[in-house]
Amino acid sequence: MKLPIYLFSVSSHPEAMHINSLTVAFFKPKIDFTQTDYLILTSKQAVKALEQYDKEEFIQKKALCISKATAKAYKELGGEVLEVGKGYGDTLVDAIKNYPKTTKWLYLRAEVVASDFADVLREDGYAIKEAILYKSECSKEILDAKVKRDAILIFTSPSSIKCYLKTHPLFSSQKIIVIGKTTAKALPKDIDYILSPNTTVESCIQIAKKLTL
């Protein structure tokens, strides 16, 4: 019998049972985009939050994007991508260090973030300002989810794991797939997991499909 695949993510996939893990509330702080050289985008939610602003205010600003998915979202909005990271906030440090310390960056972020890369860079003298554009909360859908003991669980963010564990245990009979190293750190120490080689939902799904054979 094939194991069911549960995908805990804000994005769905036709080959998995999608459980939206988060509800997102957007903020619109006043931002003077003329005071920055480049944007830093670490999620598709940050791109969506930009839709609240007059596009002409920011669309000429190239963005350093954390992943291909975030870069794709910014391009679809009409923006230009400066560089694409490897899916983790910490990997943006090396990219930013390739630019002069006088370069002015604007990090458009969530209320709670998993990486302290911006603090690390500021301590090293880089000019990074921040604007909080959204916050994420556990969805009722994930808190109330009915999940089988024999199943494959895909987690795509640290918050999806934290929300799931609020109301669910993890069983040894469940196979856990995580989208990246930062997400893996949110798992209890004694839990075995499979780390996706690429930080995409599709990569996780391909692993899950092999496990169901």
N, C-alpha and C. Protein backbone atom coordinates (compact mmCIF):
# COMPACT_ATOMS: atom_id res chain seq x y z
N MET A 1 0.84 -1.20 0.00
CA MET A 1 0.00 0.00 0.00
C MET A 1 0.88 1.25 0.00
N LYS A 2 0.58 2.17 -0.90
CA LYS A 2 1.36 3.40 -0.98
C LYS A 2 1.10 4.28 0.24
N LEU A 3 2.17 4.86 0.74
CA LEU A 3 2.03 5.76 1.88
C LEU A 3 1.48 7.10 1.41
N PRO A 4 0.56 7.68 2.17
CA PRO A 4 0.07 9.02 1.81
C PRO A 4 1.16 10.06 2.03
N ILE A 5 1.16 11.09 1.20
CA ILE A 5 2.15 12.17 1.31
C ILE A 5 1.44 13.43 1.79
N TYR A 6 1.90 13.96 2.92
CA TYR A 6 1.35 15.21 3.46
C TYR A 6 2.37 16.32 3.24
N LEU A 7 1.92 17.42 2.67
CA LEU A 7 2.79 18.56 2.40
C LEU A 7 2.36 19.73 3.28
N PHE A 8 3.22 20.09 4.23
CA PHE A 8 2.95 21.21 5.13
C PHE A 8 3.67 22.44 4.59
N SER A 9 2.91 23.28 3.91
CA SER A 9 3.51 24.38 3.17
C SER A 9 2.44 25.42 2.84
N VAL A 10 2.88 26.61 2.44
CA VAL A 10 1.92 27.59 1.94
C VAL A 10 1.63 27.33 0.46
N SER A 11 2.49 26.50 -0.17
CA SER A 11 2.30 26.14 -1.58
C SER A 11 1.78 24.71 -1.69
N SER A 12 0.89 24.47 -2.63
CA SER A 12 0.33 23.13 -2.82
C SER A 12 1.08 22.38 -3.91
N HIS A 13 0.78 21.08 -4.03
CA HIS A 13 1.34 20.25 -5.10
C HIS A 13 0.31 19.17 -5.40
N PRO A 14 0.07 18.89 -6.68
CA PRO A 14 -0.99 17.93 -7.04
C PRO A 14 -0.75 16.50 -6.57
N GLU A 15 0.48 16.16 -6.22
CA GLU A 15 0.78 14.79 -5.83
C GLU A 15 0.91 14.61 -4.31
N ALA A 16 0.40 15.58 -3.57
CA ALA A 16 0.44 15.48 -2.11
C ALA A 16 -0.83 16.07 -1.51
N MET A 17 -1.13 15.63 -0.29
CA MET A 17 -2.24 16.24 0.45
C MET A 17 -1.71 17.51 1.09
N HIS A 18 -2.16 18.63 0.57
CA HIS A 18 -1.63 19.91 1.03
C HIS A 18 -2.33 20.37 2.30
N ILE A 19 -1.53 20.72 3.29
CA ILE A 19 -2.05 21.30 4.52
C ILE A 19 -1.35 22.64 4.71
N ASN A 20 -2.10 23.71 4.51
CA ASN A 20 -1.53 25.05 4.65
C ASN A 20 -1.11 25.25 6.11
N SER A 21 0.17 25.49 6.32
CA SER A 21 0.68 25.54 7.69
C SER A 21 0.56 26.90 8.35
N LEU A 22 0.42 27.95 7.54
CA LEU A 22 0.46 29.29 8.11
C LEU A 22 -0.63 30.20 7.55
N THR A 23 -1.06 31.11 8.38
CA THR A 23 -1.87 32.23 7.89
C THR A 23 -0.96 33.46 7.96
N VAL A 24 -1.06 34.30 6.96
CA VAL A 24 -0.15 35.44 6.86
C VAL A 24 -0.93 36.75 6.96
N ALA A 25 -0.46 37.63 7.83
CA ALA A 25 -1.04 38.97 7.95
C ALA A 25 0.01 39.97 7.45
N PHE A 26 -0.40 40.87 6.56
CA PHE A 26 0.55 41.81 5.95
C PHE A 26 0.51 43.17 6.64
N PHE A 27 1.68 43.80 6.69
CA PHE A 27 1.81 45.16 7.21
C PHE A 27 2.25 46.07 6.06
N LYS A 28 2.01 47.37 6.23
CA LYS A 28 2.45 48.32 5.22
C LYS A 28 3.13 49.52 5.88
N PRO A 29 4.35 49.30 6.37
CA PRO A 29 5.07 50.44 6.96
C PRO A 29 5.49 51.42 5.86
N LYS A 30 5.69 52.65 6.23
CA LYS A 30 6.14 53.65 5.26
C LYS A 30 7.59 53.36 4.89
N ILE A 31 7.87 53.25 3.60
CA ILE A 31 9.22 52.95 3.13
C ILE A 31 9.63 53.95 2.06
N ASP A 32 10.82 54.52 2.21
CA ASP A 32 11.38 55.39 1.18
C ASP A 32 12.37 54.54 0.38
N PHE A 33 11.89 53.98 -0.72
CA PHE A 33 12.72 53.08 -1.52
C PHE A 33 13.89 53.80 -2.19
N THR A 34 13.85 55.14 -2.25
CA THR A 34 14.94 55.88 -2.88
C THR A 34 16.22 55.82 -2.04
N GLN A 35 16.07 55.41 -0.78
CA GLN A 35 17.22 55.37 0.13
C GLN A 35 17.94 54.03 0.13
N THR A 36 17.62 53.17 -0.84
CA THR A 36 18.26 51.86 -0.89
C THR A 36 18.76 51.55 -2.30
N ASP A 37 19.81 50.75 -2.37
CA ASP A 37 20.35 50.33 -3.67
C ASP A 37 19.71 49.02 -4.14
N TYR A 38 19.61 48.06 -3.20
CA TYR A 38 19.07 46.75 -3.55
C TYR A 38 18.13 46.24 -2.46
N LEU A 39 17.20 45.40 -2.86
CA LEU A 39 16.29 44.76 -1.92
C LEU A 39 16.82 43.37 -1.56
N ILE A 40 16.47 42.90 -0.38
CA ILE A 40 16.73 41.51 0.03
C ILE A 40 15.38 40.86 0.27
N LEU A 41 15.11 39.78 -0.47
CA LEU A 41 13.83 39.08 -0.37
C LEU A 41 14.08 37.63 0.02
N THR A 42 13.49 37.19 1.13
CA THR A 42 13.75 35.83 1.60
C THR A 42 12.50 34.95 1.59
N SER A 43 11.43 35.41 0.94
CA SER A 43 10.24 34.57 0.83
C SER A 43 9.31 35.14 -0.24
N LYS A 44 8.41 34.28 -0.72
CA LYS A 44 7.40 34.74 -1.67
C LYS A 44 6.40 35.66 -0.97
N GLN A 45 6.24 35.49 0.35
CA GLN A 45 5.33 36.37 1.09
C GLN A 45 5.84 37.81 1.08
N ALA A 46 7.16 37.98 1.14
CA ALA A 46 7.74 39.33 1.08
C ALA A 46 7.44 39.98 -0.26
N VAL A 47 7.50 39.18 -1.33
CA VAL A 47 7.18 39.69 -2.66
C VAL A 47 5.70 40.09 -2.72
N LYS A 48 4.85 39.24 -2.17
CA LYS A 48 3.42 39.54 -2.17
C LYS A 48 3.12 40.81 -1.39
N ALA A 49 3.85 41.01 -0.29
CA ALA A 49 3.65 42.21 0.52
C ALA A 49 3.99 43.48 -0.27
N LEU A 50 4.94 43.37 -1.20
CA LEU A 50 5.31 44.52 -2.02
C LEU A 50 4.16 44.99 -2.90
N GLU A 51 3.21 44.10 -3.18
CA GLU A 51 2.08 44.47 -4.03
C GLU A 51 1.22 45.56 -3.40
N GLN A 52 1.40 45.80 -2.10
CA GLN A 52 0.64 46.86 -1.42
C GLN A 52 1.14 48.25 -1.80
N TYR A 53 2.36 48.32 -2.33
CA TYR A 53 2.99 49.60 -2.63
C TYR A 53 2.85 49.94 -4.12
N ASP A 54 3.00 51.22 -4.42
CA ASP A 54 3.02 51.67 -5.81
C ASP A 54 4.24 51.03 -6.47
N LYS A 55 4.01 50.24 -7.49
CA LYS A 55 5.10 49.49 -8.12
C LYS A 55 6.23 50.41 -8.60
N GLU A 56 5.88 51.59 -9.04
CA GLU A 56 6.90 52.51 -9.56
C GLU A 56 7.90 52.93 -8.48
N GLU A 57 7.52 52.76 -7.21
CA GLU A 57 8.41 53.16 -6.12
C GLU A 57 9.58 52.20 -5.95
N PHE A 58 9.37 50.92 -6.30
CA PHE A 58 10.41 49.92 -5.99
C PHE A 58 10.85 49.05 -7.16
N ILE A 59 10.10 49.03 -8.25
CA ILE A 59 10.31 48.01 -9.28
C ILE A 59 11.66 48.15 -9.99
N GLN A 60 12.29 49.32 -9.90
CA GLN A 60 13.61 49.50 -10.51
C GLN A 60 14.73 48.98 -9.62
N LYS A 61 14.39 48.55 -8.42
CA LYS A 61 15.40 48.05 -7.50
C LYS A 61 15.61 46.55 -7.73
N LYS A 62 16.84 46.18 -8.02
CA LYS A 62 17.15 44.76 -8.17
C LYS A 62 17.10 44.09 -6.80
N ALA A 63 16.76 42.81 -6.79
CA ALA A 63 16.59 42.10 -5.52
C ALA A 63 17.53 40.90 -5.41
N LEU A 64 18.14 40.79 -4.24
CA LEU A 64 18.89 39.59 -3.88
C LEU A 64 17.86 38.63 -3.29
N CYS A 65 17.63 37.51 -3.96
CA CYS A 65 16.56 36.59 -3.57
C CYS A 65 17.14 35.32 -2.96
N ILE A 66 16.48 34.82 -1.94
CA ILE A 66 16.99 33.67 -1.20
C ILE A 66 16.94 32.37 -2.00
N SER A 67 16.00 32.28 -2.95
CA SER A 67 15.82 31.02 -3.68
C SER A 67 15.27 31.29 -5.07
N LYS A 68 15.24 30.24 -5.88
CA LYS A 68 14.69 30.35 -7.23
C LYS A 68 13.20 30.69 -7.19
N ALA A 69 12.49 30.12 -6.20
CA ALA A 69 11.05 30.38 -6.10
C ALA A 69 10.77 31.85 -5.79
N THR A 70 11.56 32.42 -4.88
CA THR A 70 11.39 33.84 -4.54
C THR A 70 11.78 34.71 -5.73
N ALA A 71 12.85 34.33 -6.42
CA ALA A 71 13.28 35.08 -7.60
C ALA A 71 12.20 35.05 -8.68
N LYS A 72 11.60 33.90 -8.88
CA LYS A 72 10.53 33.76 -9.87
C LYS A 72 9.35 34.68 -9.53
N ALA A 73 9.01 34.74 -8.24
CA ALA A 73 7.89 35.58 -7.81
C ALA A 73 8.19 37.06 -8.06
N TYR A 74 9.44 37.47 -7.81
CA TYR A 74 9.79 38.88 -8.03
C TYR A 74 9.81 39.21 -9.52
N LYS A 75 10.29 38.28 -10.33
CA LYS A 75 10.28 38.50 -11.78
C LYS A 75 8.85 38.62 -12.30
N GLU A 76 7.95 37.77 -11.77
CA GLU A 76 6.55 37.81 -12.20
C GLU A 76 5.89 39.13 -11.82
N LEU A 77 6.40 39.75 -10.76
CA LEU A 77 5.89 41.06 -10.35
C LEU A 77 6.41 42.16 -11.27
N GLY A 78 7.48 41.82 -12.02
CA GLY A 78 8.06 42.79 -12.94
C GLY A 78 9.43 43.27 -12.54
N GLY A 79 9.96 42.70 -11.45
CA GLY A 79 11.26 43.13 -10.95
C GLY A 79 12.42 42.39 -11.58
N GLU A 80 13.61 42.89 -11.31
CA GLU A 80 14.84 42.28 -11.82
C GLU A 80 15.62 41.68 -10.66
N VAL A 81 16.15 40.50 -10.87
CA VAL A 81 16.87 39.79 -9.81
C VAL A 81 18.36 40.08 -9.90
N LEU A 82 18.94 40.44 -8.77
CA LEU A 82 20.37 40.72 -8.68
C LEU A 82 21.16 39.41 -8.62
N GLU A 83 20.81 38.57 -7.65
CA GLU A 83 21.42 37.26 -7.48
C GLU A 83 20.42 36.35 -6.79
N VAL A 84 20.67 35.04 -6.88
CA VAL A 84 19.80 34.07 -6.21
C VAL A 84 20.64 33.26 -5.23
N GLY A 85 20.18 33.18 -3.99
CA GLY A 85 20.89 32.42 -2.97
C GLY A 85 20.62 30.93 -3.07
N LYS A 86 21.07 30.20 -2.06
CA LYS A 86 20.95 28.75 -2.07
C LYS A 86 19.83 28.24 -1.18
N GLY A 87 18.89 29.13 -0.85
CA GLY A 87 17.73 28.69 -0.08
C GLY A 87 17.80 28.95 1.41
N TYR A 88 18.95 29.42 1.90
CA TYR A 88 19.11 29.69 3.33
C TYR A 88 19.56 31.14 3.53
N GLY A 89 19.03 31.77 4.59
CA GLY A 89 19.42 33.14 4.87
C GLY A 89 20.92 33.29 5.07
N ASP A 90 21.52 32.30 5.73
CA ASP A 90 22.96 32.38 6.02
C ASP A 90 23.81 32.43 4.75
N THR A 91 23.31 31.85 3.65
CA THR A 91 24.09 31.84 2.41
C THR A 91 24.11 33.20 1.73
N LEU A 92 23.27 34.13 2.18
CA LEU A 92 23.25 35.46 1.58
C LEU A 92 24.42 36.31 2.06
N VAL A 93 25.04 35.89 3.15
CA VAL A 93 26.17 36.65 3.70
C VAL A 93 27.29 36.78 2.68
N ASP A 94 27.68 35.67 2.08
CA ASP A 94 28.77 35.70 1.10
C ASP A 94 28.42 36.55 -0.11
N ALA A 95 27.16 36.47 -0.54
CA ALA A 95 26.73 37.26 -1.70
C ALA A 95 26.85 38.75 -1.41
N ILE A 96 26.38 39.17 -0.23
CA ILE A 96 26.41 40.59 0.12
C ILE A 96 27.84 41.09 0.33
N LYS A 97 28.71 40.21 0.80
CA LYS A 97 30.10 40.61 1.03
C LYS A 97 30.87 40.85 -0.28
N ASN A 98 30.26 40.48 -1.40
CA ASN A 98 30.88 40.77 -2.70
C ASN A 98 30.67 42.22 -3.13
N TYR A 99 29.86 42.96 -2.35
CA TYR A 99 29.56 44.35 -2.67
C TYR A 99 30.21 45.26 -1.63
N PRO A 100 30.48 46.51 -2.00
CA PRO A 100 31.09 47.44 -1.04
C PRO A 100 30.21 47.62 0.20
N LYS A 101 30.85 47.91 1.33
CA LYS A 101 30.10 48.10 2.57
C LYS A 101 29.20 49.33 2.50
N THR A 102 29.48 50.21 1.56
CA THR A 102 28.66 51.42 1.40
C THR A 102 27.35 51.14 0.66
N THR A 103 27.22 49.94 0.08
CA THR A 103 25.98 49.57 -0.62
C THR A 103 24.83 49.55 0.38
N LYS A 104 23.72 50.16 0.00
CA LYS A 104 22.56 50.25 0.91
C LYS A 104 21.53 49.18 0.56
N TRP A 105 21.30 48.28 1.51
CA TRP A 105 20.37 47.16 1.33
C TRP A 105 19.11 47.38 2.16
N LEU A 106 17.98 46.91 1.63
CA LEU A 106 16.73 46.92 2.39
C LEU A 106 16.19 45.50 2.46
N TYR A 107 16.17 44.97 3.67
CA TYR A 107 15.72 43.60 3.92
C TYR A 107 14.23 43.63 4.27
N LEU A 108 13.41 43.10 3.38
CA LEU A 108 11.96 43.06 3.58
C LEU A 108 11.62 41.71 4.20
N ARG A 109 11.21 41.71 5.46
CA ARG A 109 11.20 40.48 6.23
C ARG A 109 9.90 40.22 6.98
N ALA A 110 9.86 39.04 7.59
CA ALA A 110 8.75 38.68 8.45
C ALA A 110 9.01 39.19 9.87
N GLU A 111 7.98 39.17 10.69
CA GLU A 111 8.13 39.62 12.08
C GLU A 111 9.12 38.72 12.82
N VAL A 112 9.05 37.41 12.55
CA VAL A 112 9.98 36.45 13.15
C VAL A 112 10.75 35.78 12.02
N VAL A 113 12.07 35.74 12.13
CA VAL A 113 12.90 35.15 11.07
C VAL A 113 13.78 34.05 11.67
N ALA A 114 14.18 33.11 10.80
CA ALA A 114 14.97 31.96 11.26
C ALA A 114 16.47 32.22 11.23
N SER A 115 16.89 33.22 10.46
CA SER A 115 18.32 33.48 10.30
C SER A 115 18.67 34.88 10.81
N ASP A 116 19.86 35.02 11.39
CA ASP A 116 20.32 36.32 11.88
C ASP A 116 21.37 36.92 10.94
N PHE A 117 21.31 36.55 9.65
CA PHE A 117 22.35 36.99 8.71
C PHE A 117 22.47 38.52 8.65
N ALA A 118 21.35 39.23 8.79
CA ALA A 118 21.39 40.69 8.71
C ALA A 118 22.16 41.27 9.89
N ASP A 119 21.95 40.72 11.08
CA ASP A 119 22.69 41.17 12.26
C ASP A 119 24.19 40.92 12.10
N VAL A 120 24.51 39.74 11.58
CA VAL A 120 25.92 39.37 11.37
C VAL A 120 26.60 40.37 10.43
N LEU A 121 25.90 40.72 9.36
CA LEU A 121 26.47 41.64 8.38
C LEU A 121 26.58 43.06 8.92
N ARG A 122 25.58 43.50 9.67
CA ARG A 122 25.64 44.85 10.26
C ARG A 122 26.82 44.96 11.23
N GLU A 123 27.04 43.91 12.00
CA GLU A 123 28.16 43.91 12.95
C GLU A 123 29.50 44.02 12.21
N ASP A 124 29.49 43.58 10.95
CA ASP A 124 30.71 43.63 10.14
C ASP A 124 30.79 44.93 9.33
N GLY A 125 29.82 45.83 9.55
CA GLY A 125 29.90 47.14 8.92
C GLY A 125 29.09 47.33 7.66
N TYR A 126 28.22 46.37 7.31
CA TYR A 126 27.41 46.51 6.11
C TYR A 126 26.12 47.27 6.42
N ALA A 127 25.67 48.05 5.43
CA ALA A 127 24.50 48.92 5.62
C ALA A 127 23.22 48.19 5.23
N ILE A 128 22.58 47.58 6.22
CA ILE A 128 21.34 46.84 5.97
C ILE A 128 20.23 47.38 6.86
N LYS A 129 19.21 47.92 6.22
CA LYS A 129 18.02 48.35 6.94
C LYS A 129 16.95 47.28 6.77
N GLU A 130 15.98 47.28 7.67
CA GLU A 130 14.93 46.27 7.63
C GLU A 130 13.55 46.91 7.68
N ALA A 131 12.60 46.24 7.07
CA ALA A 131 11.20 46.63 7.17
C ALA A 131 10.38 45.35 7.35
N ILE A 132 9.56 45.32 8.40
CA ILE A 132 8.72 44.14 8.67
C ILE A 132 7.42 44.29 7.89
N LEU A 133 7.22 43.39 6.92
CA LEU A 133 6.06 43.49 6.03
C LEU A 133 4.98 42.46 6.31
N TYR A 134 5.28 41.45 7.11
CA TYR A 134 4.24 40.45 7.38
C TYR A 134 4.60 39.63 8.62
N LYS A 135 3.59 38.95 9.13
CA LYS A 135 3.81 37.99 10.21
C LYS A 135 3.04 36.71 9.89
N SER A 136 3.58 35.60 10.35
CA SER A 136 2.96 34.30 10.10
C SER A 136 2.48 33.70 11.41
N GLU A 137 1.32 33.07 11.37
CA GLU A 137 0.77 32.38 12.53
C GLU A 137 0.34 30.98 12.12
N CYS A 138 0.31 30.08 13.09
CA CYS A 138 -0.13 28.71 12.80
C CYS A 138 -1.58 28.72 12.31
N SER A 139 -1.83 28.01 11.23
CA SER A 139 -3.19 27.95 10.70
C SER A 139 -4.02 26.93 11.47
N LYS A 140 -5.31 27.13 11.48
CA LYS A 140 -6.22 26.16 12.10
C LYS A 140 -6.12 24.83 11.36
N GLU A 141 -5.84 24.91 10.07
CA GLU A 141 -5.75 23.71 9.24
C GLU A 141 -4.66 22.76 9.72
N ILE A 142 -3.50 23.31 10.07
CA ILE A 142 -2.41 22.43 10.52
C ILE A 142 -2.63 21.98 11.96
N LEU A 143 -3.18 22.85 12.78
CA LEU A 143 -3.41 22.49 14.18
C LEU A 143 -4.44 21.37 14.31
N ASP A 144 -5.42 21.35 13.39
CA ASP A 144 -6.50 20.36 13.45
C ASP A 144 -6.31 19.20 12.48
N ALA A 145 -5.19 19.15 11.80
CA ALA A 145 -4.98 18.14 10.75
C ALA A 145 -5.03 16.71 11.30
N LYS A 146 -5.68 15.82 10.54
CA LYS A 146 -5.72 14.40 10.86
C LYS A 146 -4.67 13.71 9.98
N VAL A 147 -3.62 13.23 10.60
CA VAL A 147 -2.49 12.65 9.87
C VAL A 147 -2.30 11.20 10.28
N LYS A 148 -2.16 10.32 9.30
CA LYS A 148 -1.99 8.90 9.58
C LYS A 148 -0.60 8.61 10.16
N ARG A 149 -0.53 7.54 10.95
CA ARG A 149 0.75 7.16 11.55
C ARG A 149 1.73 6.65 10.50
N ASP A 150 1.21 5.94 9.51
CA ASP A 150 2.06 5.46 8.42
C ASP A 150 1.92 6.43 7.25
N ALA A 151 2.87 7.33 7.14
CA ALA A 151 2.75 8.39 6.13
C ALA A 151 4.10 9.05 5.89
N ILE A 152 4.15 9.85 4.83
CA ILE A 152 5.32 10.67 4.53
C ILE A 152 4.95 12.12 4.80
N LEU A 153 5.75 12.79 5.61
CA LEU A 153 5.47 14.18 5.97
C LEU A 153 6.56 15.08 5.39
N ILE A 154 6.15 16.10 4.65
CA ILE A 154 7.09 17.05 4.07
C ILE A 154 6.92 18.40 4.77
N PHE A 155 8.01 18.89 5.35
CA PHE A 155 7.98 20.19 6.01
C PHE A 155 8.85 21.18 5.22
N THR A 156 8.31 22.37 4.98
CA THR A 156 9.00 23.32 4.12
C THR A 156 9.49 24.58 4.83
N SER A 157 9.35 24.61 6.15
CA SER A 157 9.85 25.75 6.92
C SER A 157 9.94 25.37 8.39
N PRO A 158 10.78 26.04 9.16
CA PRO A 158 10.83 25.78 10.60
C PRO A 158 9.47 25.99 11.26
N SER A 159 8.75 27.01 10.81
CA SER A 159 7.46 27.32 11.42
C SER A 159 6.43 26.22 11.15
N SER A 160 6.53 25.55 10.00
CA SER A 160 5.58 24.47 9.71
C SER A 160 5.78 23.32 10.70
N ILE A 161 7.03 23.06 11.07
CA ILE A 161 7.32 22.02 12.06
C ILE A 161 6.82 22.44 13.44
N LYS A 162 7.14 23.67 13.82
CA LYS A 162 6.74 24.16 15.15
C LYS A 162 5.22 24.15 15.30
N CYS A 163 4.52 24.53 14.24
CA CYS A 163 3.05 24.54 14.30
C CYS A 163 2.51 23.11 14.40
N TYR A 164 3.07 22.21 13.61
CA TYR A 164 2.62 20.82 13.63
C TYR A 164 2.81 20.20 15.01
N LEU A 165 3.96 20.45 15.61
CA LEU A 165 4.28 19.84 16.90
C LEU A 165 3.47 20.41 18.06
N LYS A 166 2.79 21.51 17.83
CA LYS A 166 1.92 22.07 18.88
C LYS A 166 0.79 21.10 19.23
N THR A 167 0.32 20.35 18.23
CA THR A 167 -0.85 19.49 18.44
C THR A 167 -0.65 18.05 17.97
N HIS A 168 0.55 17.72 17.47
CA HIS A 168 0.79 16.38 16.95
C HIS A 168 2.14 15.84 17.43
N PRO A 169 2.21 14.53 17.69
CA PRO A 169 3.51 13.89 17.90
C PRO A 169 4.06 13.44 16.55
N LEU A 170 5.34 13.09 16.52
CA LEU A 170 5.93 12.46 15.35
C LEU A 170 6.19 11.00 15.69
N PHE A 171 5.79 10.09 14.80
CA PHE A 171 5.93 8.66 15.05
C PHE A 171 7.09 8.08 14.24
N SER A 172 7.70 7.03 14.77
CA SER A 172 8.82 6.39 14.08
C SER A 172 8.39 5.78 12.75
N SER A 173 7.10 5.51 12.60
CA SER A 173 6.58 4.93 11.36
C SER A 173 6.41 5.98 10.26
N GLN A 174 6.55 7.25 10.62
CA GLN A 174 6.41 8.32 9.64
C GLN A 174 7.77 8.68 9.05
N LYS A 175 7.80 8.90 7.75
CA LYS A 175 9.03 9.29 7.07
C LYS A 175 8.99 10.81 6.89
N ILE A 176 10.03 11.47 7.39
CA ILE A 176 10.06 12.93 7.41
C ILE A 176 11.02 13.45 6.34
N ILE A 177 10.53 14.37 5.53
CA ILE A 177 11.36 15.04 4.52
C ILE A 177 11.36 16.54 4.84
N VAL A 178 12.54 17.15 4.86
CA VAL A 178 12.62 18.59 5.11
C VAL A 178 13.26 19.28 3.92
N ILE A 179 12.82 20.51 3.66
CA ILE A 179 13.24 21.22 2.45
C ILE A 179 14.66 21.78 2.56
N GLY A 180 15.14 21.97 3.79
CA GLY A 180 16.48 22.54 3.94
C GLY A 180 17.02 22.39 5.35
N LYS A 181 18.27 22.81 5.54
CA LYS A 181 18.96 22.64 6.82
C LYS A 181 18.33 23.47 7.93
N THR A 182 17.87 24.67 7.60
CA THR A 182 17.25 25.52 8.63
C THR A 182 15.96 24.87 9.13
N THR A 183 15.20 24.29 8.22
CA THR A 183 13.97 23.58 8.60
C THR A 183 14.31 22.37 9.46
N ALA A 184 15.35 21.65 9.09
CA ALA A 184 15.75 20.45 9.84
C ALA A 184 16.07 20.76 11.30
N LYS A 185 16.63 21.94 11.54
CA LYS A 185 17.01 22.32 12.91
C LYS A 185 15.81 22.44 13.84
N ALA A 186 14.62 22.61 13.26
CA ALA A 186 13.41 22.75 14.08
C ALA A 186 12.86 21.41 14.56
N LEU A 187 13.37 20.32 14.00
CA LEU A 187 12.92 18.98 14.41
C LEU A 187 13.52 18.60 15.77
N PRO A 188 12.81 17.79 16.55
CA PRO A 188 13.41 17.25 17.78
C PRO A 188 14.68 16.47 17.44
N LYS A 189 15.64 16.48 18.35
CA LYS A 189 16.96 15.90 18.09
C LYS A 189 16.91 14.41 17.74
N ASP A 190 15.93 13.68 18.26
CA ASP A 190 15.90 12.23 18.07
C ASP A 190 15.12 11.79 16.83
N ILE A 191 14.71 12.73 16.00
CA ILE A 191 13.90 12.40 14.82
C ILE A 191 14.79 12.24 13.59
N ASP A 192 14.65 11.11 12.92
CA ASP A 192 15.36 10.89 11.65
C ASP A 192 14.62 11.61 10.53
N TYR A 193 15.37 12.11 9.57
CA TYR A 193 14.74 12.82 8.46
C TYR A 193 15.59 12.70 7.20
N ILE A 194 14.98 13.05 6.09
CA ILE A 194 15.68 13.10 4.80
C ILE A 194 15.76 14.57 4.39
N LEU A 195 16.95 15.03 4.07
CA LEU A 195 17.16 16.41 3.64
C LEU A 195 17.09 16.50 2.12
N SER A 196 16.19 17.33 1.62
CA SER A 196 16.08 17.51 0.17
C SER A 196 17.35 18.14 -0.38
N PRO A 197 17.87 17.64 -1.51
CA PRO A 197 19.09 18.22 -2.09
C PRO A 197 18.87 19.63 -2.65
N ASN A 198 17.62 19.93 -2.99
CA ASN A 198 17.28 21.27 -3.49
C ASN A 198 16.16 21.86 -2.63
N THR A 199 16.20 23.16 -2.43
CA THR A 199 15.21 23.80 -1.56
C THR A 199 13.95 24.16 -2.35
N THR A 200 13.32 23.13 -2.91
CA THR A 200 12.07 23.31 -3.64
C THR A 200 11.07 22.24 -3.22
N VAL A 201 9.79 22.57 -3.31
CA VAL A 201 8.75 21.60 -3.01
C VAL A 201 8.84 20.42 -3.97
N GLU A 202 9.12 20.70 -5.23
CA GLU A 202 9.20 19.64 -6.24
C GLU A 202 10.27 18.61 -5.88
N SER A 203 11.40 19.08 -5.40
CA SER A 203 12.47 18.17 -5.01
C SER A 203 12.02 17.26 -3.87
N CYS A 204 11.30 17.83 -2.91
CA CYS A 204 10.77 17.04 -1.78
C CYS A 204 9.77 15.99 -2.28
N ILE A 205 8.93 16.38 -3.21
CA ILE A 205 7.92 15.47 -3.75
C ILE A 205 8.57 14.30 -4.47
N GLN A 206 9.63 14.56 -5.20
CA GLN A 206 10.32 13.49 -5.93
C GLN A 206 10.91 12.46 -4.96
N ILE A 207 11.44 12.93 -3.84
CA ILE A 207 11.95 12.02 -2.81
C ILE A 207 10.80 11.19 -2.25
N ALA A 208 9.70 11.86 -1.95
CA ALA A 208 8.54 11.18 -1.37
C ALA A 208 8.00 10.10 -2.30
N LYS A 209 7.96 10.38 -3.58
CA LYS A 209 7.44 9.42 -4.56
C LYS A 209 8.30 8.15 -4.59
N LYS A 210 9.60 8.32 -4.43
CA LYS A 210 10.49 7.15 -4.40
C LYS A 210 10.24 6.31 -3.15
N LEU A 211 9.90 6.99 -2.06
CA LEU A 211 9.65 6.28 -0.80
C LEU A 211 8.34 5.49 -0.83
N THR A 212 7.44 5.88 -1.72
CA THR A 212 6.14 5.20 -1.79
C THR A 212 6.18 3.96 -2.68
N LEU A 213 7.28 3.77 -3.41
CA LEU A 213 7.38 2.63 -4.33
C LEU A 213 7.50 1.31 -3.57
